[in-house]
Amino acid sequence: MTSTEDPALARTIPPSEFDIGMPVEWMVDPDRPETILGVTYEFSQTGERKTVWYTPNKRRAKKALVVSKLNQG
């Protein structure tokens, strides 16, 4: 039988210690600005920035325009 009193997976990190990155910069294709090539995330607790590339090889794009605000239209 399965016990329902204890959770199957105990929480290892308290919710107050989650460090969720917020997007602060977007790298877009200069020829097609609607195509996002990468995003830089800044983490609130550490201040660290990490860039994630959404290119086919997951590497830095050869040409990218960095913007700090996206125009949604």
C-alpha atoms as a PDB file:
ATOM      1  CA  MET A   1       0.000   0.000   0.000  1.00  0.00           C
ATOM      2  CA  THR A   2       0.991   3.586  -0.466  1.00  0.00           C
ATOM      3  CA  SER A   3       1.213   5.931   2.474  1.00  0.00           C
ATOM      4  CA  THR A   4      -0.537   9.256   1.876  1.00  0.00           C
ATOM      5  CA  GLU A   5       0.738  10.860   5.081  1.00  0.00           C
ATOM      6  CA  ASP A   6       4.273  11.639   3.865  1.00  0.00           C
ATOM      7  CA  PRO A   7       4.943  13.246   0.479  1.00  0.00           C
ATOM      8  CA  ALA A   8       6.760  11.009  -1.987  1.00  0.00           C
ATOM      9  CA  LEU A   9       9.358  13.691  -2.678  1.00  0.00           C
ATOM     10  CA  ALA A  10      10.472  15.806   0.250  1.00  0.00           C
ATOM     11  CA  ARG A  11      11.132  19.452  -0.535  1.00  0.00           C
ATOM     12  CA  THR A  12      14.880  20.076  -0.460  1.00  0.00           C
ATOM     13  CA  ILE A  13      14.926  23.837  -1.084  1.00  0.00           C
ATOM     14  CA  PRO A  14      12.672  26.137   0.942  1.00  0.00           C
ATOM     15  CA  PRO A  15      10.438  28.348  -1.271  1.00  0.00           C
ATOM     16  CA  SER A  16      12.192  31.472   0.021  1.00  0.00           C
ATOM     17  CA  GLU A  17      15.465  30.261  -1.505  1.00  0.00           C
ATOM     18  CA  PHE A  18      14.257  29.780  -5.087  1.00  0.00           C
ATOM     19  CA  ASP A  19      16.195  32.139  -7.343  1.00  0.00           C
ATOM     20  CA  ILE A  20      14.125  32.642 -10.467  1.00  0.00           C
ATOM     21  CA  GLY A  21      15.727  34.470 -13.354  1.00  0.00           C
ATOM     22  CA  MET A  22      13.857  37.360 -14.928  1.00  0.00           C
ATOM     23  CA  PRO A  23      14.518  38.221 -18.595  1.00  0.00           C
ATOM     24  CA  VAL A  24      16.419  41.514 -18.922  1.00  0.00           C
ATOM     25  CA  GLU A  25      17.805  41.417 -22.489  1.00  0.00           C
ATOM     26  CA  TRP A  26      16.771  39.748 -25.709  1.00  0.00           C
ATOM     27  CA  MET A  27      18.997  38.958 -28.658  1.00  0.00           C
ATOM     28  CA  VAL A  28      17.036  39.192 -31.883  1.00  0.00           C
ATOM     29  CA  ASP A  29      17.880  38.520 -35.507  1.00  0.00           C
ATOM     30  CA  PRO A  30      18.794  41.922 -37.053  1.00  0.00           C
ATOM     31  CA  ASP A  31      17.182  40.928 -40.366  1.00  0.00           C
ATOM     32  CA  ARG A  32      14.016  39.492 -38.771  1.00  0.00           C
ATOM     33  CA  PRO A  33      13.398  41.275 -35.430  1.00  0.00           C
ATOM     34  CA  GLU A  34      10.459  38.992 -34.615  1.00  0.00           C
ATOM     35  CA  THR A  35      12.919  36.070 -34.266  1.00  0.00           C
ATOM     36  CA  ILE A  36      14.408  35.779 -30.778  1.00  0.00           C
ATOM     37  CA  LEU A  37      17.845  34.158 -30.814  1.00  0.00           C
ATOM     38  CA  GLY A  38      18.584  34.320 -27.100  1.00  0.00           C
ATOM     39  CA  VAL A  39      17.562  35.746 -23.731  1.00  0.00           C
ATOM     40  CA  THR A  40      19.660  37.010 -20.816  1.00  0.00           C
ATOM     41  CA  TYR A  41      18.176  36.247 -17.407  1.00  0.00           C
ATOM     42  CA  GLU A  42      19.123  38.034 -14.193  1.00  0.00           C
ATOM     43  CA  PHE A  43      18.701  36.183 -10.907  1.00  0.00           C
ATOM     44  CA  SER A  44      17.244  38.267  -8.085  1.00  0.00           C
ATOM     45  CA  GLN A  45      19.111  36.807  -5.128  1.00  0.00           C
ATOM     46  CA  THR A  46      22.591  36.475  -6.622  1.00  0.00           C
ATOM     47  CA  GLY A  47      22.506  39.220  -9.268  1.00  0.00           C
ATOM     48  CA  GLU A  48      24.085  36.725 -11.662  1.00  0.00           C
ATOM     49  CA  ARG A  49      23.197  36.951 -15.356  1.00  0.00           C
ATOM     50  CA  LYS A  50      22.954  33.956 -17.663  1.00  0.00           C
ATOM     51  CA  THR A  51      22.319  33.970 -21.396  1.00  0.00           C
ATOM     52  CA  VAL A  52      20.379  31.153 -23.012  1.00  0.00           C
ATOM     53  CA  TRP A  53      20.671  30.830 -26.786  1.00  0.00           C
ATOM     54  CA  TYR A  54      17.747  29.460 -28.777  1.00  0.00           C
ATOM     55  CA  THR A  55      19.787  28.831 -31.915  1.00  0.00           C
ATOM     56  CA  PRO A  56      19.906  25.349 -33.488  1.00  0.00           C
ATOM     57  CA  ASN A  57      23.358  24.621 -31.995  1.00  0.00           C
ATOM     58  CA  LYS A  58      22.592  26.413 -28.656  1.00  0.00           C
ATOM     59  CA  ARG A  59      25.597  28.697 -29.197  1.00  0.00           C
ATOM     60  CA  ARG A  60      26.041  32.433 -29.567  1.00  0.00           C
ATOM     61  CA  ALA A  61      24.572  33.769 -32.789  1.00  0.00           C
ATOM     62  CA  LYS A  62      27.005  35.301 -35.292  1.00  0.00           C
ATOM     63  CA  LYS A  63      24.788  38.373 -35.683  1.00  0.00           C
ATOM     64  CA  ALA A  64      22.346  39.515 -33.041  1.00  0.00           C
ATOM     65  CA  LEU A  65      20.806  42.788 -31.984  1.00  0.00           C
ATOM     66  CA  VAL A  66      20.561  43.195 -28.197  1.00  0.00           C
ATOM     67  CA  VAL A  67      17.402  44.898 -26.930  1.00  0.00           C
ATOM     68  CA  SER A  68      16.265  45.581 -23.379  1.00  0.00           C
ATOM     69  CA  LYS A  69      12.579  45.914 -24.256  1.00  0.00           C
ATOM     70  CA  LEU A  70      10.520  43.903 -26.716  1.00  0.00           C
ATOM     71  CA  ASN A  71       7.937  45.602 -28.883  1.00  0.00           C
ATOM     72  CA  GLN A  72       4.879  43.410 -28.866  1.00  0.00           C
ATOM     73  CA  GLY A  73       2.649  44.152 -31.752  1.00  0.00           C
END
